[in-house]
PDB file of N, CA and C in Angstrom:
ATOM      1  N   MET A   1     150.157 167.426 138.132  1.00  0.00           N
ATOM      2  CA  MET A   1     150.433 168.838 138.213  1.00  0.00           C
ATOM      3  C   MET A   1     151.930 169.034 138.404  1.00  0.00           C
ATOM      4  N   LYS A   2     152.565 169.650 137.432  1.00  0.00           N
ATOM      5  CA  LYS A   2     154.002 169.839 137.471  1.00  0.00           C
ATOM      6  C   LYS A   2     154.398 170.949 138.435  1.00  0.00           C
ATOM      7  N   THR A   3     153.850 172.129 138.244  1.00  0.00           N
ATOM      8  CA  THR A   3     154.134 173.262 139.115  1.00  0.00           C
ATOM      9  C   THR A   3     153.036 173.335 140.164  1.00  0.00           C
ATOM     10  N   PRO A   4     153.403 173.372 141.445  1.00  0.00           N
ATOM     11  CA  PRO A   4     152.347 173.432 142.463  1.00  0.00           C
ATOM     12  C   PRO A   4     151.535 174.717 142.345  1.00  0.00           C
ATOM     13  N   PRO A   5     150.232 174.616 142.451  1.00  0.00           N
ATOM     14  CA  PRO A   5     149.399 175.811 142.405  1.00  0.00           C
ATOM     15  C   PRO A   5     149.690 176.744 143.584  1.00  0.00           C
ATOM     16  N   THR A   6     149.413 178.013 143.365  1.00  0.00           N
ATOM     17  CA  THR A   6     149.498 179.003 144.430  1.00  0.00           C
ATOM     18  C   THR A   6     148.096 179.541 144.676  1.00  0.00           C
ATOM     19  N   PHE A   7     147.926 180.176 145.816  1.00  0.00           N
ATOM     20  CA  PHE A   7     146.620 180.708 146.179  1.00  0.00           C
ATOM     21  C   PHE A   7     146.544 182.197 145.869  1.00  0.00           C
ATOM     22  N   PRO A   8     145.442 182.634 145.249  1.00  0.00           N
ATOM     23  CA  PRO A   8     145.249 184.078 145.056  1.00  0.00           C
ATOM     24  C   PRO A   8     144.902 184.744 146.386  1.00  0.00           C
ATOM     25  N   LYS A   9     144.998 186.056 146.413  1.00  0.00           N
ATOM     26  CA  LYS A   9     144.626 186.800 147.618  1.00  0.00           C
ATOM     27  C   LYS A   9     143.159 186.557 147.933  1.00  0.00           C
ATOM     28  N   VAL A  10     142.880 186.371 149.204  1.00  0.00           N
ATOM     29  CA  VAL A  10     141.538 186.022 149.677  1.00  0.00           C
ATOM     30  C   VAL A  10     140.503 187.084 149.315  1.00  0.00           C
ATOM     31  N   ASN A  11     140.891 188.341 149.289  1.00  0.00           N
ATOM     32  CA  ASN A  11     139.936 189.433 149.087  1.00  0.00           C
ATOM     33  C   ASN A  11     139.734 189.788 147.613  1.00  0.00           C
ATOM     34  N   THR A  12     139.899 188.794 146.723  1.00  0.00           N
ATOM     35  CA  THR A  12     139.742 189.041 145.287  1.00  0.00           C
ATOM     36  C   THR A  12     138.692 188.105 144.686  1.00  0.00           C
ATOM     37  N   LEU A  13     138.171 188.516 143.544  1.00  0.00           N
ATOM     38  CA  LEU A  13     137.250 187.643 142.824  1.00  0.00           C
ATOM     39  C   LEU A  13     137.979 186.454 142.214  1.00  0.00           C
ATOM     40  N   THR A  14     139.282 186.580 142.026  1.00  0.00           N
ATOM     41  CA  THR A  14     140.065 185.425 141.567  1.00  0.00           C
ATOM     42  C   THR A  14     140.009 184.319 142.608  1.00  0.00           C
ATOM     43  N   ALA A  15     139.972 184.678 143.880  1.00  0.00           N
ATOM     44  CA  ALA A  15     139.844 183.687 144.961  1.00  0.00           C
ATOM     45  C   ALA A  15     138.429 183.134 145.029  1.00  0.00           C
ATOM     46  N   ARG A  16     137.462 183.941 144.714  1.00  0.00           N
ATOM     47  CA  ARG A  16     136.062 183.514 144.767  1.00  0.00           C
ATOM     48  C   ARG A  16     135.711 182.533 143.651  1.00  0.00           C
ATOM     49  N   ALA A  17     136.346 182.724 142.487  1.00  0.00           N
ATOM     50  CA  ALA A  17     136.002 181.924 141.309  1.00  0.00           C
ATOM     51  C   ALA A  17     136.095 180.413 141.524  1.00  0.00           C
ATOM     52  N   PRO A  18     137.110 179.880 142.207  1.00  0.00           N
ATOM     53  CA  PRO A  18     137.216 178.418 142.280  1.00  0.00           C
ATOM     54  C   PRO A  18     136.402 177.757 143.390  1.00  0.00           C
ATOM     55  N   LEU A  19     135.649 178.503 144.178  1.00  0.00           N
ATOM     56  CA  LEU A  19     134.950 177.883 145.307  1.00  0.00           C
ATOM     57  C   LEU A  19     134.003 176.771 144.865  1.00  0.00           C
ATOM     58  N   SER A  20     133.202 177.013 143.844  1.00  0.00           N
ATOM     59  CA  SER A  20     132.300 175.956 143.353  1.00  0.00           C
ATOM     60  C   SER A  20     133.104 174.783 142.800  1.00  0.00           C
ATOM     61  N   LEU A  21     134.191 175.100 142.113  1.00  0.00           N
ATOM     62  CA  LEU A  21     135.027 174.051 141.528  1.00  0.00           C
ATOM     63  C   LEU A  21     135.623 173.155 142.611  1.00  0.00           C
ATOM     64  N   LEU A  22     136.013 173.758 143.717  1.00  0.00           N
ATOM     65  CA  LEU A  22     136.612 172.994 144.813  1.00  0.00           C
ATOM     66  C   LEU A  22     135.586 172.115 145.523  1.00  0.00           C
ATOM     67  N   ASP A  23     134.311 172.412 145.326  1.00  0.00           N
ATOM     68  CA  ASP A  23     133.239 171.552 145.843  1.00  0.00           C
ATOM     69  C   ASP A  23     132.889 170.455 144.845  1.00  0.00           C
ATOM     70  N   GLY A  24     133.624 170.397 143.717  1.00  0.00           N
ATOM     71  CA  GLY A  24     133.379 169.377 142.708  1.00  0.00           C
ATOM     72  C   GLY A  24     132.300 169.738 141.707  1.00  0.00           C
ATOM     73  N   ARG A  25     131.894 171.000 141.692  1.00  0.00           N
ATOM     74  CA  ARG A  25     130.853 171.441 140.770  1.00  0.00           C
ATOM     75  C   ARG A  25     131.468 172.215 139.602  1.00  0.00           C
ATOM     76  N   CYS A  26     130.702 172.407 138.570  1.00  0.00           N
ATOM     77  CA  CYS A  26     131.092 173.241 137.436  1.00  0.00           C
ATOM     78  C   CYS A  26     130.609 174.661 137.703  1.00  0.00           C
ATOM     79  N   ILE A  27     131.203 175.613 136.996  1.00  0.00           N
ATOM     80  CA  ILE A  27     130.718 176.985 137.085  1.00  0.00           C
ATOM     81  C   ILE A  27     130.663 177.577 135.691  1.00  0.00           C
ATOM     82  N   VAL A  28     129.633 178.378 135.457  1.00  0.00           N
ATOM     83  CA  VAL A  28     129.468 179.096 134.200  1.00  0.00           C
ATOM     84  C   VAL A  28     129.312 180.577 134.526  1.00  0.00           C
ATOM     85  N   HIS A  29     129.472 181.390 133.497  1.00  0.00           N
ATOM     86  CA  HIS A  29     129.443 182.839 133.670  1.00  0.00           C
ATOM     87  C   HIS A  29     128.178 183.331 134.387  1.00  0.00           C
ATOM     88  N   ASN A  30     127.010 182.882 133.956  1.00  0.00           N
ATOM     89  CA  ASN A  30     125.761 183.393 134.539  1.00  0.00           C
ATOM     90  C   ASN A  30     125.684 183.138 136.041  1.00  0.00           C
ATOM     91  N   ALA A  31     126.110 181.970 136.486  1.00  0.00           N
ATOM     92  CA  ALA A  31     126.076 181.663 137.916  1.00  0.00           C
ATOM     93  C   ALA A  31     127.047 182.554 138.673  1.00  0.00           C
ATOM     94  N   PHE A  32     128.249 182.738 138.123  1.00  0.00           N
ATOM     95  CA  PHE A  32     129.245 183.584 138.779  1.00  0.00           C
ATOM     96  C   PHE A  32     128.758 185.029 138.836  1.00  0.00           C
ATOM     97  N   GLN A  33     128.167 185.497 137.760  1.00  0.00           N
ATOM     98  CA  GLN A  33     127.634 186.854 137.733  1.00  0.00           C
ATOM     99  C   GLN A  33     126.539 187.026 138.782  1.00  0.00           C
ATOM    100  N   SER A  34     125.663 186.038 138.915  1.00  0.00           N
ATOM    101  CA  SER A  34     124.593 186.115 139.915  1.00  0.00           C
ATOM    102  C   SER A  34     125.149 186.159 141.335  1.00  0.00           C
ATOM    103  N   GLU A  35     126.208 185.385 141.572  1.00  0.00           N
ATOM    104  CA  GLU A  35     126.798 185.320 142.912  1.00  0.00           C
ATOM    105  C   GLU A  35     127.633 186.539 143.256  1.00  0.00           C
ATOM    106  N   THR A  36     128.338 187.102 142.248  1.00  0.00           N
ATOM    107  CA  THR A  36     129.336 188.134 142.546  1.00  0.00           C
ATOM    108  C   THR A  36     129.057 189.491 141.922  1.00  0.00           C
ATOM    109  N   GLY A  37     128.188 189.539 140.922  1.00  0.00           N
ATOM    110  CA  GLY A  37     127.952 190.788 140.210  1.00  0.00           C
ATOM    111  C   GLY A  37     129.045 191.091 139.189  1.00  0.00           C
ATOM    112  N   SER A  38     129.934 190.154 138.926  1.00  0.00           N
ATOM    113  CA  SER A  38     131.045 190.366 137.999  1.00  0.00           C
ATOM    114  C   SER A  38     130.787 189.688 136.667  1.00  0.00           C
ATOM    115  N   TYR A  39     131.130 190.398 135.596  1.00  0.00           N
ATOM    116  CA  TYR A  39     131.022 189.866 134.245  1.00  0.00           C
ATOM    117  C   TYR A  39     132.322 189.202 133.791  1.00  0.00           C
ATOM    118  N   ARG A  40     133.295 189.019 134.669  1.00  0.00           N
ATOM    119  CA  ARG A  40     134.660 188.710 134.261  1.00  0.00           C
ATOM    120  C   ARG A  40     135.152 187.312 134.635  1.00  0.00           C
ATOM    121  N   LEU A  41     134.306 186.327 134.733  1.00  0.00           N
ATOM    122  CA  LEU A  41     134.734 184.998 135.143  1.00  0.00           C
ATOM    123  C   LEU A  41     135.910 184.479 134.326  1.00  0.00           C
ATOM    124  N   ALA A  42     135.884 184.630 133.009  1.00  0.00           N
ATOM    125  CA  ALA A  42     136.957 184.099 132.161  1.00  0.00           C
ATOM    126  C   ALA A  42     138.320 184.691 132.532  1.00  0.00           C
ATOM    127  N   VAL A  43     138.354 185.950 132.910  1.00  0.00           N
ATOM    128  CA  VAL A  43     139.613 186.587 133.311  1.00  0.00           C
ATOM    129  C   VAL A  43     140.145 185.949 134.595  1.00  0.00           C
ATOM    130  N   PHE A  44     139.264 185.673 135.536  1.00  0.00           N
ATOM    131  CA  PHE A  44     139.693 185.076 136.796  1.00  0.00           C
ATOM    132  C   PHE A  44     140.148 183.628 136.591  1.00  0.00           C
ATOM    133  N   ILE A  45     139.469 182.909 135.711  1.00  0.00           N
ATOM    134  CA  ILE A  45     139.875 181.540 135.384  1.00  0.00           C
ATOM    135  C   ILE A  45     141.255 181.562 134.722  1.00  0.00           C
ATOM    136  N   GLU A  46     141.455 182.485 133.798  1.00  0.00           N
ATOM    137  CA  GLU A  46     142.750 182.610 133.125  1.00  0.00           C
ATOM    138  C   GLU A  46     143.864 182.886 134.131  1.00  0.00           C
ATOM    139  N   SER A  47     143.609 183.759 135.095  1.00  0.00           N
ATOM    140  CA  SER A  47     144.603 184.058 136.129  1.00  0.00           C
ATOM    141  C   SER A  47     144.885 182.830 136.993  1.00  0.00           C
ATOM    142  N   LEU A  48     143.837 182.110 137.357  1.00  0.00           N
ATOM    143  CA  LEU A  48     144.034 180.890 138.151  1.00  0.00           C
ATOM    144  C   LEU A  48     144.870 179.875 137.380  1.00  0.00           C
ATOM    145  N   ARG A  49     144.627 179.744 136.090  1.00  0.00           N
ATOM    146  CA  ARG A  49     145.376 178.784 135.274  1.00  0.00           C
ATOM    147  C   ARG A  49     146.827 179.212 135.070  1.00  0.00           C
ATOM    148  N   ASN A  50     147.015 180.423 134.596  1.00  0.00           N
ATOM    149  CA  ASN A  50     148.340 180.847 134.140  1.00  0.00           C
ATOM    150  C   ASN A  50     149.216 181.436 135.233  1.00  0.00           C
ATOM    151  N   ARG A  51     148.665 182.217 136.101  1.00  0.00           N
ATOM    152  CA  ARG A  51     149.465 182.823 137.170  1.00  0.00           C
ATOM    153  C   ARG A  51     149.588 181.894 138.367  1.00  0.00           C
ATOM    154  N   HIS A  52     148.471 181.251 138.726  1.00  0.00           N
ATOM    155  CA  HIS A  52     148.447 180.430 139.943  1.00  0.00           C
ATOM    156  C   HIS A  52     148.576 178.936 139.676  1.00  0.00           C
ATOM    157  N   LYS A  53     148.563 178.534 138.400  1.00  0.00           N
ATOM    158  CA  LYS A  53     148.802 177.130 137.982  1.00  0.00           C
ATOM    159  C   LYS A  53     147.739 176.139 138.449  1.00  0.00           C
ATOM    160  N   TRP A  54     146.485 176.581 138.528  1.00  0.00           N
ATOM    161  CA  TRP A  54     145.387 175.683 138.887  1.00  0.00           C
ATOM    162  C   TRP A  54     144.989 174.885 137.643  1.00  0.00           C
ATOM    163  N   PRO A  55     144.752 173.585 137.769  1.00  0.00           N
ATOM    164  CA  PRO A  55     144.420 172.737 136.607  1.00  0.00           C
ATOM    165  C   PRO A  55     142.936 172.756 136.243  1.00  0.00           C
ATOM    166  N   ILE A  56     142.446 173.927 135.890  1.00  0.00           N
ATOM    167  CA  ILE A  56     141.026 174.096 135.571  1.00  0.00           C
ATOM    168  C   ILE A  56     140.792 173.734 134.105  1.00  0.00           C
ATOM    169  N   GLU A  57     139.748 172.961 133.868  1.00  0.00           N
ATOM    170  CA  GLU A  57     139.371 172.525 132.526  1.00  0.00           C
ATOM    171  C   GLU A  57     138.207 173.375 132.015  1.00  0.00           C
ATOM    172  N   THR A  58     138.053 173.404 130.695  1.00  0.00           N
ATOM    173  CA  THR A  58     136.959 174.126 130.052  1.00  0.00           C
ATOM    174  C   THR A  58     136.212 173.188 129.119  1.00  0.00           C
ATOM    175  N   GLU A  59     134.898 173.253 129.182  1.00  0.00           N
ATOM    176  CA  GLU A  59     134.055 172.564 128.215  1.00  0.00           C
ATOM    177  C   GLU A  59     133.206 173.626 127.529  1.00  0.00           C
ATOM    178  N   GLU A  60     133.248 173.656 126.218  1.00  0.00           N
ATOM    179  CA  GLU A  60     132.427 174.592 125.448  1.00  0.00           C
ATOM    180  C   GLU A  60     131.034 173.986 125.305  1.00  0.00           C
ATOM    181  N   ILE A  61     130.024 174.754 125.683  1.00  0.00           N
ATOM    182  CA  ILE A  61     128.630 174.323 125.630  1.00  0.00           C
ATOM    183  C   ILE A  61     127.915 175.125 124.546  1.00  0.00           C
ATOM    184  N   THR A  62     127.090 174.464 123.766  1.00  0.00           N
ATOM    185  CA  THR A  62     126.248 175.124 122.769  1.00  0.00           C
ATOM    186  C   THR A  62     124.807 174.761 123.091  1.00  0.00           C
ATOM    187  N   ALA A  63     123.967 175.788 123.193  1.00  0.00           N
ATOM    188  CA  ALA A  63     122.570 175.563 123.556  1.00  0.00           C
ATOM    189  C   ALA A  63     121.707 176.668 122.945  1.00  0.00           C
ATOM    190  N   PRO A  64     120.415 176.420 122.820  1.00  0.00           N
ATOM    191  CA  PRO A  64     119.537 177.480 122.326  1.00  0.00           C
ATOM    192  C   PRO A  64     119.594 178.703 123.247  1.00  0.00           C
ATOM    193  N   ALA A  65     119.649 179.872 122.644  1.00  0.00           N
ATOM    194  CA  ALA A  65     119.645 181.116 123.419  1.00  0.00           C
ATOM    195  C   ALA A  65     118.253 181.345 123.987  1.00  0.00           C
ATOM    196  N   GLY A  66     118.134 182.268 124.901  1.00  0.00           N
ATOM    197  CA  GLY A  66     116.857 182.539 125.550  1.00  0.00           C
ATOM    198  C   GLY A  66     115.803 183.132 124.635  1.00  0.00           C
ATOM    199  N   ASP A  67     116.194 183.659 123.483  1.00  0.00           N
ATOM    200  CA  ASP A  67     115.257 184.278 122.550  1.00  0.00           C
ATOM    201  C   ASP A  67     114.732 183.225 121.584  1.00  0.00           C
ATOM    202  N   SER A  68     113.584 182.655 121.879  1.00  0.00           N
ATOM    203  CA  SER A  68     113.039 181.567 121.064  1.00  0.00           C
ATOM    204  C   SER A  68     112.572 182.038 119.683  1.00  0.00           C
ATOM    205  N   LYS A  69     112.351 183.336 119.500  1.00  0.00           N
ATOM    206  CA  LYS A  69     111.880 183.847 118.211  1.00  0.00           C
ATOM    207  C   LYS A  69     112.947 183.741 117.129  1.00  0.00           C
ATOM    208  N   THR A  70     114.215 183.877 117.502  1.00  0.00           N
ATOM    209  CA  THR A  70     115.281 183.888 116.492  1.00  0.00           C
ATOM    210  C   THR A  70     115.880 182.507 116.259  1.00  0.00           C
ATOM    211  N   GLY A  71     115.743 181.609 117.212  1.00  0.00           N
ATOM    212  CA  GLY A  71     116.362 180.299 117.093  1.00  0.00           C
ATOM    213  C   GLY A  71     117.878 180.345 117.229  1.00  0.00           C
ATOM    214  N   ARG A  72     118.378 181.466 117.749  1.00  0.00           N
ATOM    215  CA  ARG A  72     119.820 181.660 117.887  1.00  0.00           C
ATOM    216  C   ARG A  72     120.417 180.630 118.839  1.00  0.00           C
ATOM    217  N   ILE A  73     121.626 180.182 118.511  1.00  0.00           N
ATOM    218  CA  ILE A  73     122.359 179.251 119.355  1.00  0.00           C
ATOM    219  C   ILE A  73     123.444 180.030 120.087  1.00  0.00           C
ATOM    220  N   ALA A  74     123.565 179.801 121.374  1.00  0.00           N
ATOM    221  CA  ALA A  74     124.582 180.468 122.184  1.00  0.00           C
ATOM    222  C   ALA A  74     125.676 179.472 122.549  1.00  0.00           C
ATOM    223  N   SER A  75     126.899 179.970 122.630  1.00  0.00           N
ATOM    224  CA  SER A  75     128.031 179.166 123.076  1.00  0.00           C
ATOM    225  C   SER A  75     128.597 179.813 124.335  1.00  0.00           C
ATOM    226  N   TYR A  76     128.957 178.987 125.296  1.00  0.00           N
ATOM    227  CA  TYR A  76     129.555 179.502 126.519  1.00  0.00           C
ATOM    228  C   TYR A  76     130.465 178.432 127.108  1.00  0.00           C
ATOM    229  N   ALA A  77     131.297 178.858 128.039  1.00  0.00           N
ATOM    230  CA  ALA A  77     132.257 177.949 128.657  1.00  0.00           C
ATOM    231  C   ALA A  77     131.753 177.493 130.027  1.00  0.00           C
ATOM    232  N   GLN A  78     132.022 176.256 130.301  1.00  0.00           N
ATOM    233  CA  GLN A  78     131.761 175.673 131.626  1.00  0.00           C
ATOM    234  C   GLN A  78     133.124 175.242 132.166  1.00  0.00           C
ATOM    235  N   TYR A  79     133.442 175.663 133.380  1.00  0.00           N
ATOM    236  CA  TYR A  79     134.748 175.387 133.978  1.00  0.00           C
ATOM    237  C   TYR A  79     134.601 174.344 135.080  1.00  0.00           C
ATOM    238  N   TYR A  80     135.638 173.499 135.223  1.00  0.00           N
ATOM    239  CA  TYR A  80     135.583 172.430 136.216  1.00  0.00           C
ATOM    240  C   TYR A  80     136.985 171.872 136.458  1.00  0.00           C
ATOM    241  N   PHE A  81     137.112 171.079 137.507  1.00  0.00           N
ATOM    242  CA  PHE A  81     138.322 170.292 137.747  1.00  0.00           C
ATOM    243  C   PHE A  81     138.032 168.854 137.342  1.00  0.00           C
ATOM    244  N   GLU A  82     138.983 168.228 136.661  1.00  0.00           N
ATOM    245  CA  GLU A  82     138.904 166.779 136.475  1.00  0.00           C
ATOM    246  C   GLU A  82     138.932 166.163 137.869  1.00  0.00           C
ATOM    247  N   PRO A  83     138.143 165.130 138.142  1.00  0.00           N
ATOM    248  CA  PRO A  83     138.117 164.538 139.486  1.00  0.00           C
ATOM    249  C   PRO A  83     139.503 164.155 140.018  1.00  0.00           C
ATOM    250  N   ALA A  84     140.360 163.617 139.172  1.00  0.00           N
ATOM    251  CA  ALA A  84     141.707 163.231 139.633  1.00  0.00           C
ATOM    252  C   ALA A  84     142.521 164.453 140.046  1.00  0.00           C
ATOM    253  N   ASN A  85     142.398 165.559 139.303  1.00  0.00           N
ATOM    254  CA  ASN A  85     143.119 166.784 139.665  1.00  0.00           C
ATOM    255  C   ASN A  85     142.586 167.391 140.950  1.00  0.00           C
ATOM    256  N   LEU A  86     141.277 167.333 141.137  1.00  0.00           N
ATOM    257  CA  LEU A  86     140.686 167.841 142.367  1.00  0.00           C
ATOM    258  C   LEU A  86     141.162 167.016 143.563  1.00  0.00           C
ATOM    259  N   SER A  87     141.184 165.707 143.405  1.00  0.00           N
ATOM    260  CA  SER A  87     141.680 164.835 144.486  1.00  0.00           C
ATOM    261  C   SER A  87     143.131 165.144 144.802  1.00  0.00           C
ATOM    262  N   GLU A  88     143.927 165.356 143.761  1.00  0.00           N
ATOM    263  CA  GLU A  88     145.343 165.673 143.969  1.00  0.00           C
ATOM    264  C   GLU A  88     145.511 166.995 144.711  1.00  0.00           C
ATOM    265  N   LEU A  89     144.718 167.999 144.336  1.00  0.00           N
ATOM    266  CA  LEU A  89     144.766 169.286 145.047  1.00  0.00           C
ATOM    267  C   LEU A  89     144.442 169.106 146.523  1.00  0.00           C
ATOM    268  N   LYS A  90     143.408 168.339 146.810  1.00  0.00           N
ATOM    269  CA  LYS A  90     142.987 168.126 148.191  1.00  0.00           C
ATOM    270  C   LYS A  90     144.056 167.381 148.991  1.00  0.00           C
ATOM    271  N   ILE A  91     144.713 166.419 148.354  1.00  0.00           N
ATOM    272  CA  ILE A  91     145.787 165.685 149.030  1.00  0.00           C
ATOM    273  C   ILE A  91     146.998 166.594 149.223  1.00  0.00           C
ATOM    274  N   GLN A  92     147.365 167.308 148.169  1.00  0.00           N
ATOM    275  CA  GLN A  92     148.557 168.149 148.195  1.00  0.00           C
ATOM    276  C   GLN A  92     148.452 169.266 149.234  1.00  0.00           C
ATOM    277  N   PHE A  93     147.291 169.883 149.341  1.00  0.00           N
ATOM    278  CA  PHE A  93     147.156 171.047 150.214  1.00  0.00           C
ATOM    279  C   PHE A  93     146.385 170.785 151.501  1.00  0.00           C
ATOM    280  N   GLY A  94     145.605 169.734 151.557  1.00  0.00           N
ATOM    281  CA  GLY A  94     144.909 169.353 152.779  1.00  0.00           C
ATOM    282  C   GLY A  94     144.250 170.505 153.503  1.00  0.00           C
ATOM    283  N   GLU A  95     144.644 170.699 154.751  1.00  0.00           N
ATOM    284  CA  GLU A  95     144.033 171.736 155.591  1.00  0.00           C
ATOM    285  C   GLU A  95     144.298 173.143 155.074  1.00  0.00           C
ATOM    286  N   ARG A  96     145.385 173.325 154.350  1.00  0.00           N
ATOM    287  CA  ARG A  96     145.672 174.651 153.786  1.00  0.00           C
ATOM    288  C   ARG A  96     144.591 175.032 152.770  1.00  0.00           C
ATOM    289  N   LEU A  97     144.135 174.064 151.981  1.00  0.00           N
ATOM    290  CA  LEU A  97     143.063 174.312 151.021  1.00  0.00           C
ATOM    291  C   LEU A  97     141.759 174.617 151.753  1.00  0.00           C
ATOM    292  N   ASN A  98     141.472 173.859 152.794  1.00  0.00           N
ATOM    293  CA  ASN A  98     140.270 174.118 153.592  1.00  0.00           C
ATOM    294  C   ASN A  98     140.333 175.504 154.224  1.00  0.00           C
ATOM    295  N   GLY A  99     141.503 175.894 154.707  1.00  0.00           N
ATOM    296  CA  GLY A  99     141.677 177.227 155.291  1.00  0.00           C
ATOM    297  C   GLY A  99     141.446 178.324 154.269  1.00  0.00           C
ATOM    298  N   PHE A 100     141.915 178.110 153.046  1.00  0.00           N
ATOM    299  CA  PHE A 100     141.694 179.070 151.965  1.00  0.00           C
ATOM    300  C   PHE A 100     140.199 179.243 151.707  1.00  0.00           C
ATOM    301  N   ILE A 101     139.494 178.131 151.595  1.00  0.00           N
ATOM    302  CA  ILE A 101     138.049 178.172 151.334  1.00  0.00           C
ATOM    303  C   ILE A 101     137.326 178.921 152.451  1.00  0.00           C
ATOM    304  N   VAL A 102     137.638 178.591 153.690  1.00  0.00           N
ATOM    305  CA  VAL A 102     137.007 179.255 154.837  1.00  0.00           C
ATOM    306  C   VAL A 102     137.315 180.752 154.835  1.00  0.00           C
ATOM    307  N   SER A 103     138.554 181.112 154.553  1.00  0.00           N
ATOM    308  CA  SER A 103     138.944 182.529 154.553  1.00  0.00           C
ATOM    309  C   SER A 103     138.211 183.318 153.476  1.00  0.00           C
ATOM    310  N   VAL A 104     138.081 182.747 152.281  1.00  0.00           N
ATOM    311  CA  VAL A 104     137.372 183.438 151.196  1.00  0.00           C
ATOM    312  C   VAL A 104     135.901 183.596 151.567  1.00  0.00           C
ATOM    313  N   ARG A 105     135.293 182.553 152.096  1.00  0.00           N
ATOM    314  CA  ARG A 105     133.874 182.639 152.479  1.00  0.00           C
ATOM    315  C   ARG A 105     133.661 183.632 153.616  1.00  0.00           C
ATOM    316  N   GLN A 106     134.585 183.676 154.563  1.00  0.00           N
ATOM    317  CA  GLN A 106     134.471 184.660 155.651  1.00  0.00           C
ATOM    318  C   GLN A 106     134.592 186.062 155.098  1.00  0.00           C
ATOM    319  N   PHE A 107     135.538 186.301 154.205  1.00  0.00           N
ATOM    320  CA  PHE A 107     135.690 187.632 153.600  1.00  0.00           C
ATOM    321  C   PHE A 107     134.415 188.012 152.858  1.00  0.00           C
ATOM    322  N   GLU A 108     133.896 187.114 152.052  1.00  0.00           N
ATOM    323  CA  GLU A 108     132.680 187.409 151.289  1.00  0.00           C
ATOM    324  C   GLU A 108     131.493 187.658 152.211  1.00  0.00           C
ATOM    325  N   GLY A 109     131.443 186.982 153.340  1.00  0.00           N
ATOM    326  CA  GLY A 109     130.345 187.152 154.289  1.00  0.00           C
ATOM    327  C   GLY A 109     130.354 188.504 154.978  1.00  0.00           C
ATOM    328  N   LYS A 110     131.509 189.147 155.043  1.00  0.00           N
ATOM    329  CA  LYS A 110     131.638 190.455 155.698  1.00  0.00           C
ATOM    330  C   LYS A 110     131.231 191.591 154.793  1.00  0.00           C
ATOM    331  N   ARG A 111     131.135 191.320 153.499  1.00  0.00           N
ATOM    332  CA  ARG A 111     130.861 192.383 152.537  1.00  0.00           C
ATOM    333  C   ARG A 111     129.419 192.760 152.504  1.00  0.00           C
TER     334      ARG A 111
END
């Protein structure tokens, strides 16, 4: 990571978006929508990447859509951290990263 990442404001969905990623999991739009009620995961990922310099990766997934009558194929993005980048983030920010996670979860818990 060339430019050190910055943290988004705790009281934003941009801050909420990376929580699963920081636990080493992937996130997709449907899961984020279920958790937050927001249809805008890609916008928050873009902000984390470009404004805050987070090294988030994207994998394009293609799978059968839920409508079995049409045989339609759906494409969607799955976001994640490469394990080495996640380890680097944890080393670089240590307790500050843990504090960010706790603060976002506390804010979300008050809502």
